[in-house]
Amino acid sequence: MRYELRKKIAEVCAKKILLKGDSVGVSFYAFFANKNDDPELLMEAATWWIETHQLDHFEKALKIKRMVEAGL
């Protein structure tokens, strides 16, 4: 996954954790606007989330943040 997407995911997760605590959940849609203005980037995130790591629709933001920061 490209660096810019990893950075965005980590930032969004950090913000959600700060606002709602360590138990807040996210889906990969949380990293995008409500319109599909970059389908290639959306598919990159979906592939990483669904195919590569077989994550559930909602996962703990803390888990996702740690994964992207670790380069997984």
PDB file of N, CA and C in Angstrom:
ATOM      1  N   MET A   1       0.852  -1.167   0.000  1.00  0.00           N
ATOM      2  CA  MET A   1       0.000   0.000   0.000  1.00  0.00           C
ATOM      3  C   MET A   1       0.901   1.234   0.000  1.00  0.00           C
ATOM      4  N   ARG A   2       0.536   2.211  -0.793  1.00  0.00           N
ATOM      5  CA  ARG A   2       1.370   3.410  -0.913  1.00  0.00           C
ATOM      6  C   ARG A   2       1.445   4.210   0.388  1.00  0.00           C
ATOM      7  N   TYR A   3       2.550   4.909   0.535  1.00  0.00           N
ATOM      8  CA  TYR A   3       2.851   5.666   1.750  1.00  0.00           C
ATOM      9  C   TYR A   3       1.745   6.664   2.096  1.00  0.00           C
ATOM     10  N   GLU A   4       1.254   7.395   1.116  1.00  0.00           N
ATOM     11  CA  GLU A   4       0.242   8.426   1.366  1.00  0.00           C
ATOM     12  C   GLU A   4      -1.026   7.829   1.988  1.00  0.00           C
ATOM     13  N   LEU A   5      -1.413   6.652   1.526  1.00  0.00           N
ATOM     14  CA  LEU A   5      -2.599   5.996   2.067  1.00  0.00           C
ATOM     15  C   LEU A   5      -2.331   5.503   3.493  1.00  0.00           C
ATOM     16  N   ARG A   6      -1.172   4.926   3.727  1.00  0.00           N
ATOM     17  CA  ARG A   6      -0.810   4.496   5.078  1.00  0.00           C
ATOM     18  C   ARG A   6      -0.838   5.675   6.044  1.00  0.00           C
ATOM     19  N   LYS A   7      -0.269   6.786   5.610  1.00  0.00           N
ATOM     20  CA  LYS A   7      -0.236   7.989   6.448  1.00  0.00           C
ATOM     21  C   LYS A   7      -1.644   8.478   6.763  1.00  0.00           C
ATOM     22  N   LYS A   8      -2.496   8.510   5.750  1.00  0.00           N
ATOM     23  CA  LYS A   8      -3.879   8.953   5.945  1.00  0.00           C
ATOM     24  C   LYS A   8      -4.619   8.029   6.908  1.00  0.00           C
ATOM     25  N   ILE A   9      -4.456   6.730   6.739  1.00  0.00           N
ATOM     26  CA  ILE A   9      -5.116   5.764   7.615  1.00  0.00           C
ATOM     27  C   ILE A   9      -4.662   5.957   9.057  1.00  0.00           C
ATOM     28  N   ALA A  10      -3.355   6.096   9.271  1.00  0.00           N
ATOM     29  CA  ALA A  10      -2.830   6.295  10.624  1.00  0.00           C
ATOM     30  C   ALA A  10      -3.377   7.574  11.236  1.00  0.00           C
ATOM     31  N   GLU A  11      -3.463   8.641  10.449  1.00  0.00           N
ATOM     32  CA  GLU A  11      -3.967   9.924  10.954  1.00  0.00           C
ATOM     33  C   GLU A  11      -5.451   9.845  11.313  1.00  0.00           C
ATOM     34  N   VAL A  12      -6.243   9.235  10.449  1.00  0.00           N
ATOM     35  CA  VAL A  12      -7.675   9.107  10.715  1.00  0.00           C
ATOM     36  C   VAL A  12      -7.902   8.244  11.955  1.00  0.00           C
ATOM     37  N   CYS A  13      -7.180   7.151  12.066  1.00  0.00           N
ATOM     38  CA  CYS A  13      -7.313   6.288  13.240  1.00  0.00           C
ATOM     39  C   CYS A  13      -6.916   7.027  14.510  1.00  0.00           C
ATOM     40  N   ALA A  14      -5.815   7.760  14.456  1.00  0.00           N
ATOM     41  CA  ALA A  14      -5.352   8.509  15.634  1.00  0.00           C
ATOM     42  C   ALA A  14      -6.406   9.522  16.074  1.00  0.00           C
ATOM     43  N   LYS A  15      -7.012  10.200  15.115  1.00  0.00           N
ATOM     44  CA  LYS A  15      -8.047  11.195  15.428  1.00  0.00           C
ATOM     45  C   LYS A  15      -9.259  10.529  16.073  1.00  0.00           C
ATOM     46  N   LYS A  16      -9.703   9.417  15.508  1.00  0.00           N
ATOM     47  CA  LYS A  16     -10.861   8.707  16.055  1.00  0.00           C
ATOM     48  C   LYS A  16     -10.571   8.175  17.460  1.00  0.00           C
ATOM     49  N   ILE A  17      -9.369   7.659  17.662  1.00  0.00           N
ATOM     50  CA  ILE A  17      -8.980   7.154  18.986  1.00  0.00           C
ATOM     51  C   ILE A  17      -8.970   8.291  19.997  1.00  0.00           C
ATOM     52  N   LEU A  18      -8.427   9.425  19.593  1.00  0.00           N
ATOM     53  CA  LEU A  18      -8.375  10.589  20.476  1.00  0.00           C
ATOM     54  C   LEU A  18      -9.778  11.058  20.865  1.00  0.00           C
ATOM     55  N   LEU A  19     -10.689  11.051  19.898  1.00  0.00           N
ATOM     56  CA  LEU A  19     -12.050  11.525  20.146  1.00  0.00           C
ATOM     57  C   LEU A  19     -12.928  10.523  20.890  1.00  0.00           C
ATOM     58  N   LYS A  20     -12.753   9.215  20.588  1.00  0.00           N
ATOM     59  CA  LYS A  20     -13.694   8.226  21.102  1.00  0.00           C
ATOM     60  C   LYS A  20     -13.067   7.115  21.939  1.00  0.00           C
ATOM     61  N   GLY A  21     -11.759   7.112  22.078  1.00  0.00           N
ATOM     62  CA  GLY A  21     -11.106   6.110  22.902  1.00  0.00           C
ATOM     63  C   GLY A  21     -10.572   4.915  22.133  1.00  0.00           C
ATOM     64  N   ASP A  22      -9.824   4.068  22.839  1.00  0.00           N
ATOM     65  CA  ASP A  22      -9.143   2.918  22.236  1.00  0.00           C
ATOM     66  C   ASP A  22     -10.078   1.871  21.652  1.00  0.00           C
ATOM     67  N   SER A  23     -11.323   1.864  22.045  1.00  0.00           N
ATOM     68  CA  SER A  23     -12.228   0.812  21.574  1.00  0.00           C
ATOM     69  C   SER A  23     -13.013   1.204  20.321  1.00  0.00           C
ATOM     70  N   VAL A  24     -12.764   2.383  19.764  1.00  0.00           N
ATOM     71  CA  VAL A  24     -13.505   2.825  18.580  1.00  0.00           C
ATOM     72  C   VAL A  24     -13.160   1.943  17.385  1.00  0.00           C
ATOM     73  N   GLY A  25     -14.168   1.653  16.593  1.00  0.00           N
ATOM     74  CA  GLY A  25     -13.987   0.839  15.400  1.00  0.00           C
ATOM     75  C   GLY A  25     -14.019   1.665  14.133  1.00  0.00           C
ATOM     76  N   VAL A  26     -13.426   1.130  13.071  1.00  0.00           N
ATOM     77  CA  VAL A  26     -13.435   1.775  11.758  1.00  0.00           C
ATOM     78  C   VAL A  26     -13.613   0.722  10.675  1.00  0.00           C
ATOM     79  N   SER A  27     -14.081   1.172   9.530  1.00  0.00           N
ATOM     80  CA  SER A  27     -14.044   0.349   8.330  1.00  0.00           C
ATOM     81  C   SER A  27     -13.150   1.084   7.342  1.00  0.00           C
ATOM     82  N   PHE A  28     -12.766   0.445   6.255  1.00  0.00           N
ATOM     83  CA  PHE A  28     -11.869   1.118   5.321  1.00  0.00           C
ATOM     84  C   PHE A  28     -12.533   2.310   4.645  1.00  0.00           C
ATOM     85  N   TYR A  29     -13.848   2.390   4.694  1.00  0.00           N
ATOM     86  CA  TYR A  29     -14.554   3.548   4.138  1.00  0.00           C
ATOM     87  C   TYR A  29     -14.284   4.816   4.948  1.00  0.00           C
ATOM     88  N   ALA A  30     -13.852   4.686   6.191  1.00  0.00           N
ATOM     89  CA  ALA A  30     -13.600   5.844   7.061  1.00  0.00           C
ATOM     90  C   ALA A  30     -12.479   6.728   6.527  1.00  0.00           C
ATOM     91  N   PHE A  31     -11.688   6.227   5.610  1.00  0.00           N
ATOM     92  CA  PHE A  31     -10.528   6.961   5.121  1.00  0.00           C
ATOM     93  C   PHE A  31     -10.813   7.721   3.827  1.00  0.00           C
ATOM     94  N   PHE A  32     -12.086   7.748   3.431  1.00  0.00           N
ATOM     95  CA  PHE A  32     -12.472   8.377   2.170  1.00  0.00           C
ATOM     96  C   PHE A  32     -13.688   9.272   2.360  1.00  0.00           C
ATOM     97  N   ALA A  33     -13.838  10.231   1.452  1.00  0.00           N
ATOM     98  CA  ALA A  33     -15.020  11.085   1.442  1.00  0.00           C
ATOM     99  C   ALA A  33     -16.233  10.245   1.051  1.00  0.00           C
ATOM    100  N   ASN A  34     -17.394  10.796   1.204  1.00  0.00           N
ATOM    101  CA  ASN A  34     -18.624  10.064   0.878  1.00  0.00           C
ATOM    102  C   ASN A  34     -18.865   9.942  -0.616  1.00  0.00           C
ATOM    103  N   LYS A  35     -17.923  10.405  -1.411  1.00  0.00           N
ATOM    104  CA  LYS A  35     -18.046  10.212  -2.857  1.00  0.00           C
ATOM    105  C   LYS A  35     -16.827   9.456  -3.354  1.00  0.00           C
ATOM    106  N   ASN A  36     -16.995   8.727  -4.393  1.00  0.00           N
ATOM    107  CA  ASN A  36     -15.932   7.888  -4.930  1.00  0.00           C
ATOM    108  C   ASN A  36     -15.125   8.705  -5.944  1.00  0.00           C
ATOM    109  N   ASP A  37     -14.273   9.601  -5.437  1.00  0.00           N
ATOM    110  CA  ASP A  37     -13.503  10.467  -6.331  1.00  0.00           C
ATOM    111  C   ASP A  37     -12.127   9.897  -6.676  1.00  0.00           C
ATOM    112  N   ASP A  38     -11.745   8.790  -6.054  1.00  0.00           N
ATOM    113  CA  ASP A  38     -10.476   8.129  -6.369  1.00  0.00           C
ATOM    114  C   ASP A  38     -10.659   6.611  -6.250  1.00  0.00           C
ATOM    115  N   PRO A  39     -11.321   6.003  -7.238  1.00  0.00           N
ATOM    116  CA  PRO A  39     -11.621   4.570  -7.153  1.00  0.00           C
ATOM    117  C   PRO A  39     -10.379   3.688  -7.044  1.00  0.00           C
ATOM    118  N   GLU A  40      -9.274   4.087  -7.643  1.00  0.00           N
ATOM    119  CA  GLU A  40      -8.050   3.294  -7.571  1.00  0.00           C
ATOM    120  C   GLU A  40      -7.527   3.231  -6.128  1.00  0.00           C
ATOM    121  N   LEU A  41      -7.536   4.352  -5.447  1.00  0.00           N
ATOM    122  CA  LEU A  41      -7.084   4.392  -4.056  1.00  0.00           C
ATOM    123  C   LEU A  41      -8.036   3.619  -3.148  1.00  0.00           C
ATOM    124  N   LEU A  42      -9.335   3.749  -3.404  1.00  0.00           N
ATOM    125  CA  LEU A  42     -10.332   3.005  -2.629  1.00  0.00           C
ATOM    126  C   LEU A  42     -10.114   1.500  -2.793  1.00  0.00           C
ATOM    127  N   MET A  43      -9.873   1.063  -4.013  1.00  0.00           N
ATOM    128  CA  MET A  43      -9.640  -0.362  -4.256  1.00  0.00           C
ATOM    129  C   MET A  43      -8.337  -0.834  -3.611  1.00  0.00           C
ATOM    130  N   GLU A  44      -7.346   0.033  -3.561  1.00  0.00           N
ATOM    131  CA  GLU A  44      -6.089  -0.321  -2.897  1.00  0.00           C
ATOM    132  C   GLU A  44      -6.338  -0.574  -1.411  1.00  0.00           C
ATOM    133  N   ALA A  45      -7.113   0.291  -0.789  1.00  0.00           N
ATOM    134  CA  ALA A  45      -7.444   0.123   0.626  1.00  0.00           C
ATOM    135  C   ALA A  45      -8.302  -1.126   0.829  1.00  0.00           C
ATOM    136  N   ALA A  46      -9.279  -1.327  -0.043  1.00  0.00           N
ATOM    137  CA  ALA A  46     -10.160  -2.491   0.073  1.00  0.00           C
ATOM    138  C   ALA A  46      -9.378  -3.787  -0.099  1.00  0.00           C
ATOM    139  N   THR A  47      -8.467  -3.823  -1.037  1.00  0.00           N
ATOM    140  CA  THR A  47      -7.650  -5.011  -1.266  1.00  0.00           C
ATOM    141  C   THR A  47      -6.790  -5.317  -0.045  1.00  0.00           C
ATOM    142  N   TRP A  48      -6.151  -4.284   0.509  1.00  0.00           N
ATOM    143  CA  TRP A  48      -5.336  -4.455   1.705  1.00  0.00           C
ATOM    144  C   TRP A  48      -6.187  -4.980   2.861  1.00  0.00           C
ATOM    145  N   TRP A  49      -7.374  -4.414   3.020  1.00  0.00           N
ATOM    146  CA  TRP A  49      -8.261  -4.732   4.149  1.00  0.00           C
ATOM    147  C   TRP A  49      -8.879  -6.119   3.996  1.00  0.00           C
ATOM    148  N   ILE A  50      -9.445  -6.389   2.816  1.00  0.00           N
ATOM    149  CA  ILE A  50     -10.252  -7.596   2.613  1.00  0.00           C
ATOM    150  C   ILE A  50      -9.410  -8.787   2.136  1.00  0.00           C
ATOM    151  N   GLU A  51      -8.670  -8.598   1.059  1.00  0.00           N
ATOM    152  CA  GLU A  51      -7.935  -9.730   0.492  1.00  0.00           C
ATOM    153  C   GLU A  51      -6.648 -10.042   1.249  1.00  0.00           C
ATOM    154  N   THR A  52      -5.854  -9.026   1.507  1.00  0.00           N
ATOM    155  CA  THR A  52      -4.550  -9.248   2.111  1.00  0.00           C
ATOM    156  C   THR A  52      -4.651  -9.697   3.564  1.00  0.00           C
ATOM    157  N   HIS A  53      -5.477  -8.996   4.345  1.00  0.00           N
ATOM    158  CA  HIS A  53      -5.526  -9.271   5.783  1.00  0.00           C
ATOM    159  C   HIS A  53      -6.823  -9.924   6.256  1.00  0.00           C
ATOM    160  N   GLN A  54      -7.791 -10.070   5.376  1.00  0.00           N
ATOM    161  CA  GLN A  54      -9.069 -10.718   5.682  1.00  0.00           C
ATOM    162  C   GLN A  54      -9.686 -10.168   6.977  1.00  0.00           C
ATOM    163  N   LEU A  55      -9.721  -8.835   7.059  1.00  0.00           N
ATOM    164  CA  LEU A  55     -10.278  -8.168   8.236  1.00  0.00           C
ATOM    165  C   LEU A  55     -11.799  -8.119   8.158  1.00  0.00           C
ATOM    166  N   ASP A  56     -12.436  -8.020   9.312  1.00  0.00           N
ATOM    167  CA  ASP A  56     -13.886  -7.845   9.365  1.00  0.00           C
ATOM    168  C   ASP A  56     -14.238  -6.451   8.853  1.00  0.00           C
ATOM    169  N   HIS A  57     -15.524  -6.236   8.588  1.00  0.00           N
ATOM    170  CA  HIS A  57     -15.958  -4.932   8.080  1.00  0.00           C
ATOM    171  C   HIS A  57     -15.535  -3.817   9.036  1.00  0.00           C
ATOM    172  N   PHE A  58     -15.751  -4.000  10.329  1.00  0.00           N
ATOM    173  CA  PHE A  58     -15.305  -3.045  11.340  1.00  0.00           C
ATOM    174  C   PHE A  58     -14.208  -3.679  12.174  1.00  0.00           C
ATOM    175  N   GLU A  59     -13.143  -2.926  12.377  1.00  0.00           N
ATOM    176  CA  GLU A  59     -12.025  -3.350  13.217  1.00  0.00           C
ATOM    177  C   GLU A  59     -11.683  -2.199  14.160  1.00  0.00           C
ATOM    178  N   LYS A  60     -10.979  -2.494  15.218  1.00  0.00           N
ATOM    179  CA  LYS A  60     -10.545  -1.463  16.153  1.00  0.00           C
ATOM    180  C   LYS A  60      -9.549  -0.539  15.448  1.00  0.00           C
ATOM    181  N   ALA A  61      -9.770   0.758  15.588  1.00  0.00           N
ATOM    182  CA  ALA A  61      -8.880   1.743  14.969  1.00  0.00           C
ATOM    183  C   ALA A  61      -7.446   1.567  15.460  1.00  0.00           C
ATOM    184  N   LEU A  62      -7.282   1.228  16.717  1.00  0.00           N
ATOM    185  CA  LEU A  62      -5.951   1.034  17.286  1.00  0.00           C
ATOM    186  C   LEU A  62      -5.224  -0.112  16.575  1.00  0.00           C
ATOM    187  N   LYS A  63      -5.923  -1.186  16.294  1.00  0.00           N
ATOM    188  CA  LYS A  63      -5.340  -2.333  15.575  1.00  0.00           C
ATOM    189  C   LYS A  63      -4.905  -1.917  14.182  1.00  0.00           C
ATOM    190  N   ILE A  64      -5.765  -1.204  13.463  1.00  0.00           N
ATOM    191  CA  ILE A  64      -5.463  -0.786  12.092  1.00  0.00           C
ATOM    192  C   ILE A  64      -4.280   0.180  12.092  1.00  0.00           C
ATOM    193  N   LYS A  65      -4.283   1.124  13.012  1.00  0.00           N
ATOM    194  CA  LYS A  65      -3.189   2.092  13.110  1.00  0.00           C
ATOM    195  C   LYS A  65      -1.868   1.365  13.329  1.00  0.00           C
ATOM    196  N   ARG A  66      -1.858   0.428  14.243  1.00  0.00           N
ATOM    197  CA  ARG A  66      -0.628  -0.339  14.510  1.00  0.00           C
ATOM    198  C   ARG A  66      -0.179  -1.143  13.281  1.00  0.00           C
ATOM    199  N   MET A  67      -1.130  -1.706  12.571  1.00  0.00           N
ATOM    200  CA  MET A  67      -0.792  -2.489  11.380  1.00  0.00           C
ATOM    201  C   MET A  67      -0.143  -1.619  10.310  1.00  0.00           C
ATOM    202  N   VAL A  68      -0.731  -0.461   9.999  1.00  0.00           N
ATOM    203  CA  VAL A  68      -0.171   0.371   8.937  1.00  0.00           C
ATOM    204  C   VAL A  68       1.170   0.971   9.360  1.00  0.00           C
ATOM    205  N   GLU A  69       1.306   1.294  10.635  1.00  0.00           N
ATOM    206  CA  GLU A  69       2.578   1.832  11.112  1.00  0.00           C
ATOM    207  C   GLU A  69       3.683   0.775  11.103  1.00  0.00           C
ATOM    208  N   ALA A  70       3.303  -0.488  11.247  1.00  0.00           N
ATOM    209  CA  ALA A  70       4.264  -1.585  11.198  1.00  0.00           C
ATOM    210  C   ALA A  70       4.589  -2.003   9.762  1.00  0.00           C
ATOM    211  N   GLY A  71       3.877  -1.425   8.808  1.00  0.00           N
ATOM    212  CA  GLY A  71       4.127  -1.749   7.410  1.00  0.00           C
ATOM    213  C   GLY A  71       3.487  -3.028   6.928  1.00  0.00           C
ATOM    214  N   LEU A  72       2.498  -3.511   7.662  1.00  0.00           N
ATOM    215  CA  LEU A  72       1.806  -4.746   7.259  1.00  0.00           C
ATOM    216  C   LEU A  72       0.848  -4.503   6.122  1.00  0.00           C
TER     217      LEU A  72
END
